[in-house]
Amino acid sequence: MQEYLVTLLGGLVTTLELTLFSLLLGIVLAALMTWVLELRLPVATQLVQLWVLLFTGTPLLIQIFLIYYGPGQFEWLKASPLWPLLKQPWFCAVLALGLNTAAYSTRLFKGALDAIPAGEVEACRALGFNGRQTLWMKVRHAARHLVPAYSNEVILVLKGSSLASTITIMDIMGLAQGLNAQTYDTLAVFGVAGGLYLAMNGLLTIGFRWCEKRALAFQS
């Protein structure tokens, strides 16, 4: 098992990179989509709602397969400047994970904004705040309550990154599958892999708990 651990640690950086870049992409897209929903732009709002419905209503594995294998079915895409990126498994995995977490994060962000008491919004208007100032106030207040919910999303993205192994990415799970194919020591190999994911999720949970306490202390 010690040899398995050393081998699987070789995929740790890939797993963390997949998670980090997917979260960065997701949070940027989620912020933009939440802003669109807050402004209630006619056509854009419907498009965002459709986006959220598609990516929260279908399995992540199907999304990864469609994004990785789908573009190769279109000759115009293969001839486009985007093809060098779309044929890369790592890029497709980050794109799929990022689009998926963006949809779920949009729900979280919008829910946190909607949870702000109406009295606080009315107070901003009474003080003469414009729309942007009121929105910024809502964002600051929502951020303090968003940490617990978003921490769950981060953990889900980390665990979901293991599906990237299905498109030949050698992360922790990809290396585990290779080891299992060589040794047939399924229980030990995947037990070690599961232990690595458990350890990472535990550290993330501790970190977010600390952030949550700081946010609540700031709020008080």
C-alpha atoms as a PDB file:
ATOM      1  CA  MET A   1       0.000   0.000   0.000  1.00  0.00           C
ATOM      2  CA  GLN A   2       2.946   2.319   0.589  1.00  0.00           C
ATOM      3  CA  GLU A   3       4.047   1.779  -3.020  1.00  0.00           C
ATOM      4  CA  TYR A   4       0.505   2.480  -4.185  1.00  0.00           C
ATOM      5  CA  LEU A   5       0.446   5.704  -2.182  1.00  0.00           C
ATOM      6  CA  VAL A   6       3.694   6.928  -3.718  1.00  0.00           C
ATOM      7  CA  THR A   7       2.373   6.193  -7.220  1.00  0.00           C
ATOM      8  CA  LEU A   8      -1.003   7.835  -6.630  1.00  0.00           C
ATOM      9  CA  LEU A   9       0.609  10.943  -5.174  1.00  0.00           C
ATOM     10  CA  GLY A  10       1.974  11.493  -8.671  1.00  0.00           C
ATOM     11  CA  GLY A  11      -1.555  12.432  -9.727  1.00  0.00           C
ATOM     12  CA  LEU A  12      -2.174  14.788  -6.808  1.00  0.00           C
ATOM     13  CA  VAL A  13      -1.011  17.897  -8.648  1.00  0.00           C
ATOM     14  CA  THR A  14      -3.204  17.085 -11.646  1.00  0.00           C
ATOM     15  CA  THR A  15      -6.240  16.588  -9.405  1.00  0.00           C
ATOM     16  CA  LEU A  16      -5.633  19.878  -7.597  1.00  0.00           C
ATOM     17  CA  GLU A  17      -5.049  21.741 -10.858  1.00  0.00           C
ATOM     18  CA  LEU A  18      -8.270  20.389 -12.338  1.00  0.00           C
ATOM     19  CA  THR A  19     -10.177  21.438  -9.233  1.00  0.00           C
ATOM     20  CA  LEU A  20      -8.615  24.893  -8.961  1.00  0.00           C
ATOM     21  CA  PHE A  21      -8.995  25.929 -12.607  1.00  0.00           C
ATOM     22  CA  SER A  22     -12.532  24.529 -12.756  1.00  0.00           C
ATOM     23  CA  LEU A  23     -13.515  26.519  -9.673  1.00  0.00           C
ATOM     24  CA  LEU A  24     -11.959  29.700 -11.058  1.00  0.00           C
ATOM     25  CA  LEU A  25     -13.833  29.306 -14.342  1.00  0.00           C
ATOM     26  CA  GLY A  26     -17.028  28.410 -12.501  1.00  0.00           C
ATOM     27  CA  ILE A  27     -16.956  31.333 -10.083  1.00  0.00           C
ATOM     28  CA  VAL A  28     -16.344  33.870 -12.872  1.00  0.00           C
ATOM     29  CA  LEU A  29     -19.212  32.497 -14.975  1.00  0.00           C
ATOM     30  CA  ALA A  30     -21.480  32.194 -11.935  1.00  0.00           C
ATOM     31  CA  ALA A  31     -20.825  35.813 -10.953  1.00  0.00           C
ATOM     32  CA  LEU A  32     -21.704  36.973 -14.484  1.00  0.00           C
ATOM     33  CA  MET A  33     -24.851  34.855 -14.639  1.00  0.00           C
ATOM     34  CA  THR A  34     -25.973  35.958 -11.174  1.00  0.00           C
ATOM     35  CA  TRP A  35     -25.489  39.567 -12.251  1.00  0.00           C
ATOM     36  CA  VAL A  36     -27.678  38.916 -15.305  1.00  0.00           C
ATOM     37  CA  LEU A  37     -30.384  37.361 -13.113  1.00  0.00           C
ATOM     38  CA  GLU A  38     -30.247  40.295 -10.707  1.00  0.00           C
ATOM     39  CA  LEU A  39     -30.632  42.810 -13.539  1.00  0.00           C
ATOM     40  CA  ARG A  40     -33.484  40.717 -15.012  1.00  0.00           C
ATOM     41  CA  LEU A  41     -32.413  41.267 -18.577  1.00  0.00           C
ATOM     42  CA  PRO A  42     -35.204  39.821 -20.781  1.00  0.00           C
ATOM     43  CA  VAL A  43     -33.461  37.409 -23.173  1.00  0.00           C
ATOM     44  CA  ALA A  44     -30.262  36.901 -21.179  1.00  0.00           C
ATOM     45  CA  THR A  45     -32.221  35.809 -18.095  1.00  0.00           C
ATOM     46  CA  GLN A  46     -33.955  33.034 -20.024  1.00  0.00           C
ATOM     47  CA  LEU A  47     -30.631  31.875 -21.475  1.00  0.00           C
ATOM     48  CA  VAL A  48     -29.049  31.734 -18.019  1.00  0.00           C
ATOM     49  CA  GLN A  49     -32.004  29.804 -16.637  1.00  0.00           C
ATOM     50  CA  LEU A  50     -31.727  27.344 -19.532  1.00  0.00           C
ATOM     51  CA  TRP A  51     -27.967  26.977 -18.875  1.00  0.00           C
ATOM     52  CA  VAL A  52     -28.584  26.230 -15.194  1.00  0.00           C
ATOM     53  CA  LEU A  53     -31.330  23.745 -16.039  1.00  0.00           C
ATOM     54  CA  LEU A  54     -29.167  21.842 -18.539  1.00  0.00           C
ATOM     55  CA  PHE A  55     -26.067  21.573 -16.377  1.00  0.00           C
ATOM     56  CA  THR A  56     -27.842  20.810 -13.100  1.00  0.00           C
ATOM     57  CA  GLY A  57     -30.297  18.392 -14.702  1.00  0.00           C
ATOM     58  CA  THR A  58     -27.815  16.115 -16.490  1.00  0.00           C
ATOM     59  CA  PRO A  59     -24.989  13.925 -15.098  1.00  0.00           C
ATOM     60  CA  LEU A  60     -21.496  15.404 -15.032  1.00  0.00           C
ATOM     61  CA  LEU A  61     -20.088  12.311 -16.770  1.00  0.00           C
ATOM     62  CA  ILE A  62     -22.343  12.870 -19.783  1.00  0.00           C
ATOM     63  CA  GLN A  63     -21.265  16.513 -19.916  1.00  0.00           C
ATOM     64  CA  ILE A  64     -17.593  15.479 -19.941  1.00  0.00           C
ATOM     65  CA  PHE A  65     -18.191  12.983 -22.755  1.00  0.00           C
ATOM     66  CA  LEU A  66     -20.173  15.488 -24.834  1.00  0.00           C
ATOM     67  CA  ILE A  67     -17.562  18.214 -24.475  1.00  0.00           C
ATOM     68  CA  TYR A  68     -14.622  15.878 -25.172  1.00  0.00           C
ATOM     69  CA  TYR A  69     -16.032  13.590 -27.862  1.00  0.00           C
ATOM     70  CA  GLY A  70     -18.742  15.870 -29.300  1.00  0.00           C
ATOM     71  CA  PRO A  71     -16.688  18.536 -31.141  1.00  0.00           C
ATOM     72  CA  GLY A  72     -14.920  15.857 -33.192  1.00  0.00           C
ATOM     73  CA  GLN A  73     -18.249  15.148 -34.924  1.00  0.00           C
ATOM     74  CA  PHE A  74     -18.223  18.571 -36.630  1.00  0.00           C
ATOM     75  CA  GLU A  75     -15.765  19.254 -39.423  1.00  0.00           C
ATOM     76  CA  TRP A  76     -16.111  23.030 -39.099  1.00  0.00           C
ATOM     77  CA  LEU A  77     -15.011  22.790 -35.467  1.00  0.00           C
ATOM     78  CA  LYS A  78     -12.045  20.600 -36.366  1.00  0.00           C
ATOM     79  CA  ALA A  79     -11.018  23.235 -38.884  1.00  0.00           C
ATOM     80  CA  SER A  80     -11.462  26.126 -36.446  1.00  0.00           C
ATOM     81  CA  PRO A  81      -8.742  27.742 -34.271  1.00  0.00           C
ATOM     82  CA  LEU A  82     -10.453  26.232 -31.212  1.00  0.00           C
ATOM     83  CA  TRP A  83      -9.689  22.644 -32.208  1.00  0.00           C
ATOM     84  CA  PRO A  84      -6.155  22.527 -30.685  1.00  0.00           C
ATOM     85  CA  LEU A  85      -7.831  23.237 -27.321  1.00  0.00           C
ATOM     86  CA  LEU A  86     -10.954  21.119 -27.780  1.00  0.00           C
ATOM     87  CA  LYS A  87      -8.927  18.010 -28.570  1.00  0.00           C
ATOM     88  CA  GLN A  88      -6.998  18.290 -25.289  1.00  0.00           C
ATOM     89  CA  PRO A  89      -8.470  16.093 -22.518  1.00  0.00           C
ATOM     90  CA  TRP A  90      -7.290  18.431 -19.759  1.00  0.00           C
ATOM     91  CA  PHE A  91      -8.942  21.481 -21.323  1.00  0.00           C
ATOM     92  CA  CYS A  92     -12.194  19.594 -21.911  1.00  0.00           C
ATOM     93  CA  ALA A  93     -12.247  18.300 -18.334  1.00  0.00           C
ATOM     94  CA  VAL A  94     -11.728  21.794 -16.909  1.00  0.00           C
ATOM     95  CA  LEU A  95     -14.369  23.182 -19.258  1.00  0.00           C
ATOM     96  CA  ALA A  96     -16.922  20.530 -18.282  1.00  0.00           C
ATOM     97  CA  LEU A  97     -16.248  20.861 -14.555  1.00  0.00           C
ATOM     98  CA  GLY A  98     -16.225  24.653 -14.799  1.00  0.00           C
ATOM     99  CA  LEU A  99     -19.515  24.862 -16.669  1.00  0.00           C
ATOM    100  CA  ASN A 100     -21.089  22.400 -14.271  1.00  0.00           C
ATOM    101  CA  THR A 101     -20.010  24.178 -11.107  1.00  0.00           C
ATOM    102  CA  ALA A 102     -20.960  27.540 -12.653  1.00  0.00           C
ATOM    103  CA  ALA A 103     -24.568  26.372 -12.907  1.00  0.00           C
ATOM    104  CA  TYR A 104     -24.707  25.152  -9.304  1.00  0.00           C
ATOM    105  CA  SER A 105     -22.829  28.209  -8.018  1.00  0.00           C
ATOM    106  CA  THR A 106     -25.274  30.509  -9.803  1.00  0.00           C
ATOM    107  CA  ARG A 107     -28.060  28.918  -7.806  1.00  0.00           C
ATOM    108  CA  LEU A 108     -26.084  29.390  -4.603  1.00  0.00           C
ATOM    109  CA  PHE A 109     -25.189  33.015  -5.339  1.00  0.00           C
ATOM    110  CA  LYS A 110     -28.708  33.974  -6.402  1.00  0.00           C
ATOM    111  CA  GLY A 111     -30.193  32.232  -3.369  1.00  0.00           C
ATOM    112  CA  ALA A 112     -27.825  34.081  -1.039  1.00  0.00           C
ATOM    113  CA  LEU A 113     -28.788  37.416  -2.596  1.00  0.00           C
ATOM    114  CA  ASP A 114     -32.509  36.623  -2.412  1.00  0.00           C
ATOM    115  CA  ALA A 115     -32.132  35.731   1.278  1.00  0.00           C
ATOM    116  CA  ILE A 116     -31.158  39.299   2.189  1.00  0.00           C
ATOM    117  CA  PRO A 117     -34.045  40.957   4.088  1.00  0.00           C
ATOM    118  CA  ALA A 118     -36.094  43.355   2.002  1.00  0.00           C
ATOM    119  CA  GLY A 119     -35.708  45.971   4.725  1.00  0.00           C
ATOM    120  CA  GLU A 120     -31.988  46.297   4.024  1.00  0.00           C
ATOM    121  CA  VAL A 121     -32.640  46.932   0.346  1.00  0.00           C
ATOM    122  CA  GLU A 122     -35.289  49.508   1.175  1.00  0.00           C
ATOM    123  CA  ALA A 123     -32.847  51.187   3.556  1.00  0.00           C
ATOM    124  CA  CYS A 124     -30.315  51.503   0.731  1.00  0.00           C
ATOM    125  CA  ARG A 125     -32.917  53.133  -1.470  1.00  0.00           C
ATOM    126  CA  ALA A 126     -33.904  55.505   1.337  1.00  0.00           C
ATOM    127  CA  LEU A 127     -30.247  56.520   1.653  1.00  0.00           C
ATOM    128  CA  GLY A 128     -30.141  57.327  -2.052  1.00  0.00           C
ATOM    129  CA  PHE A 129     -28.073  54.346  -3.217  1.00  0.00           C
ATOM    130  CA  ASN A 130     -28.179  53.684  -6.942  1.00  0.00           C
ATOM    131  CA  GLY A 131     -28.656  50.216  -8.436  1.00  0.00           C
ATOM    132  CA  ARG A 132     -24.951  49.351  -8.484  1.00  0.00           C
ATOM    133  CA  GLN A 133     -24.407  50.482  -4.896  1.00  0.00           C
ATOM    134  CA  THR A 134     -27.409  48.479  -3.720  1.00  0.00           C
ATOM    135  CA  LEU A 135     -26.187  45.400  -5.572  1.00  0.00           C
ATOM    136  CA  TRP A 136     -22.716  45.770  -4.037  1.00  0.00           C
ATOM    137  CA  MET A 137     -24.277  45.969  -0.563  1.00  0.00           C
ATOM    138  CA  LYS A 138     -26.228  42.793  -1.258  1.00  0.00           C
ATOM    139  CA  VAL A 139     -23.077  41.027  -2.492  1.00  0.00           C
ATOM    140  CA  ARG A 140     -21.131  41.954   0.664  1.00  0.00           C
ATOM    141  CA  HIS A 141     -23.899  40.725   2.950  1.00  0.00           C
ATOM    142  CA  ALA A 142     -24.527  37.551   0.933  1.00  0.00           C
ATOM    143  CA  ALA A 143     -20.830  36.624   0.909  1.00  0.00           C
ATOM    144  CA  ARG A 144     -20.834  36.242   4.689  1.00  0.00           C
ATOM    145  CA  HIS A 145     -23.536  33.569   4.522  1.00  0.00           C
ATOM    146  CA  LEU A 146     -22.270  31.893   1.363  1.00  0.00           C
ATOM    147  CA  VAL A 147     -19.171  30.196   2.796  1.00  0.00           C
ATOM    148  CA  PRO A 148     -20.897  27.063   4.227  1.00  0.00           C
ATOM    149  CA  ALA A 149     -22.886  26.391   1.058  1.00  0.00           C
ATOM    150  CA  TYR A 150     -20.008  27.092  -1.318  1.00  0.00           C
ATOM    151  CA  SER A 151     -17.644  24.870   0.666  1.00  0.00           C
ATOM    152  CA  ASN A 152     -19.874  21.927  -0.240  1.00  0.00           C
ATOM    153  CA  GLU A 153     -19.639  22.892  -3.905  1.00  0.00           C
ATOM    154  CA  VAL A 154     -15.832  23.003  -3.753  1.00  0.00           C
ATOM    155  CA  ILE A 155     -15.760  19.513  -2.249  1.00  0.00           C
ATOM    156  CA  LEU A 156     -18.161  18.251  -4.932  1.00  0.00           C
ATOM    157  CA  VAL A 157     -15.907  19.653  -7.662  1.00  0.00           C
ATOM    158  CA  LEU A 158     -12.877  17.967  -6.106  1.00  0.00           C
ATOM    159  CA  LYS A 159     -14.671  14.622  -6.030  1.00  0.00           C
ATOM    160  CA  GLY A 160     -16.139  15.210  -9.491  1.00  0.00           C
ATOM    161  CA  SER A 161     -12.646  15.739 -10.896  1.00  0.00           C
ATOM    162  CA  SER A 162     -12.124  11.980 -10.545  1.00  0.00           C
ATOM    163  CA  LEU A 163     -14.412  11.546 -13.570  1.00  0.00           C
ATOM    164  CA  ALA A 164     -11.736  13.203 -15.708  1.00  0.00           C
ATOM    165  CA  SER A 165      -9.930   9.865 -15.651  1.00  0.00           C
ATOM    166  CA  THR A 166     -12.549   8.589 -18.105  1.00  0.00           C
ATOM    167  CA  ILE A 167     -10.972  10.745 -20.825  1.00  0.00           C
ATOM    168  CA  THR A 168      -7.392   9.534 -20.252  1.00  0.00           C
ATOM    169  CA  ILE A 169      -6.295  12.120 -17.676  1.00  0.00           C
ATOM    170  CA  MET A 170      -3.780  10.705 -15.221  1.00  0.00           C
ATOM    171  CA  ASP A 171      -5.041  12.241 -11.996  1.00  0.00           C
ATOM    172  CA  ILE A 172      -5.324  10.232  -8.773  1.00  0.00           C
ATOM    173  CA  MET A 173      -8.192   8.149 -10.119  1.00  0.00           C
ATOM    174  CA  GLY A 174      -6.542   7.678 -13.513  1.00  0.00           C
ATOM    175  CA  LEU A 175      -3.386   6.326 -11.873  1.00  0.00           C
ATOM    176  CA  ALA A 176      -5.497   4.161  -9.584  1.00  0.00           C
ATOM    177  CA  GLN A 177      -7.219   2.572 -12.557  1.00  0.00           C
ATOM    178  CA  GLY A 178      -3.835   1.885 -14.158  1.00  0.00           C
ATOM    179  CA  LEU A 179      -2.516   0.310 -10.964  1.00  0.00           C
ATOM    180  CA  ASN A 180      -5.610  -1.821 -10.609  1.00  0.00           C
ATOM    181  CA  ALA A 181      -5.239  -3.066 -14.177  1.00  0.00           C
ATOM    182  CA  GLN A 182      -1.645  -4.095 -13.435  1.00  0.00           C
ATOM    183  CA  THR A 183      -2.046  -5.612  -9.969  1.00  0.00           C
ATOM    184  CA  TYR A 184      -5.743  -6.549  -9.663  1.00  0.00           C
ATOM    185  CA  ASP A 185      -5.370  -5.444  -6.031  1.00  0.00           C
ATOM    186  CA  THR A 186      -8.637  -3.544  -6.228  1.00  0.00           C
ATOM    187  CA  LEU A 187      -9.361  -3.138  -2.530  1.00  0.00           C
ATOM    188  CA  ALA A 188      -5.935  -1.760  -1.653  1.00  0.00           C
ATOM    189  CA  VAL A 189      -5.527   0.473  -4.710  1.00  0.00           C
ATOM    190  CA  PHE A 190      -8.884   2.179  -4.533  1.00  0.00           C
ATOM    191  CA  GLY A 191      -8.753   2.216  -0.745  1.00  0.00           C
ATOM    192  CA  VAL A 192      -5.588   4.320  -0.920  1.00  0.00           C
ATOM    193  CA  ALA A 193      -7.145   6.541  -3.598  1.00  0.00           C
ATOM    194  CA  GLY A 194     -10.242   7.023  -1.467  1.00  0.00           C
ATOM    195  CA  GLY A 195      -8.038   7.871   1.510  1.00  0.00           C
ATOM    196  CA  LEU A 196      -6.321  10.624  -0.493  1.00  0.00           C
ATOM    197  CA  TYR A 197      -9.626  12.172  -1.496  1.00  0.00           C
ATOM    198  CA  LEU A 198     -10.849  11.890   2.101  1.00  0.00           C
ATOM    199  CA  ALA A 199      -7.732  13.659   3.383  1.00  0.00           C
ATOM    200  CA  MET A 200      -8.077  16.497   0.859  1.00  0.00           C
ATOM    201  CA  ASN A 201     -11.764  16.952   1.637  1.00  0.00           C
ATOM    202  CA  GLY A 202     -10.976  16.974   5.346  1.00  0.00           C
ATOM    203  CA  LEU A 203      -8.414  19.745   4.912  1.00  0.00           C
ATOM    204  CA  LEU A 204     -10.859  21.737   2.794  1.00  0.00           C
ATOM    205  CA  THR A 205     -13.560  21.349   5.430  1.00  0.00           C
ATOM    206  CA  ILE A 206     -11.232  22.601   8.163  1.00  0.00           C
ATOM    207  CA  GLY A 207     -10.197  25.558   6.018  1.00  0.00           C
ATOM    208  CA  PHE A 208     -13.770  26.548   5.228  1.00  0.00           C
ATOM    209  CA  ARG A 209     -14.796  26.180   8.874  1.00  0.00           C
ATOM    210  CA  TRP A 210     -12.078  28.686   9.752  1.00  0.00           C
ATOM    211  CA  CYS A 211     -13.261  31.053   7.016  1.00  0.00           C
ATOM    212  CA  GLU A 212     -16.844  30.696   8.220  1.00  0.00           C
ATOM    213  CA  LYS A 213     -15.876  31.641  11.782  1.00  0.00           C
ATOM    214  CA  ARG A 214     -13.970  34.673  10.517  1.00  0.00           C
ATOM    215  CA  ALA A 215     -16.944  35.755   8.399  1.00  0.00           C
ATOM    216  CA  LEU A 216     -19.352  35.420  11.331  1.00  0.00           C
ATOM    217  CA  ALA A 217     -16.960  37.263  13.627  1.00  0.00           C
ATOM    218  CA  PHE A 218     -16.706  40.093  11.084  1.00  0.00           C
ATOM    219  CA  GLN A 219     -20.464  40.200  10.806  1.00  0.00           C
ATOM    220  CA  SER A 220     -20.906  40.580  14.555  1.00  0.00           C
END
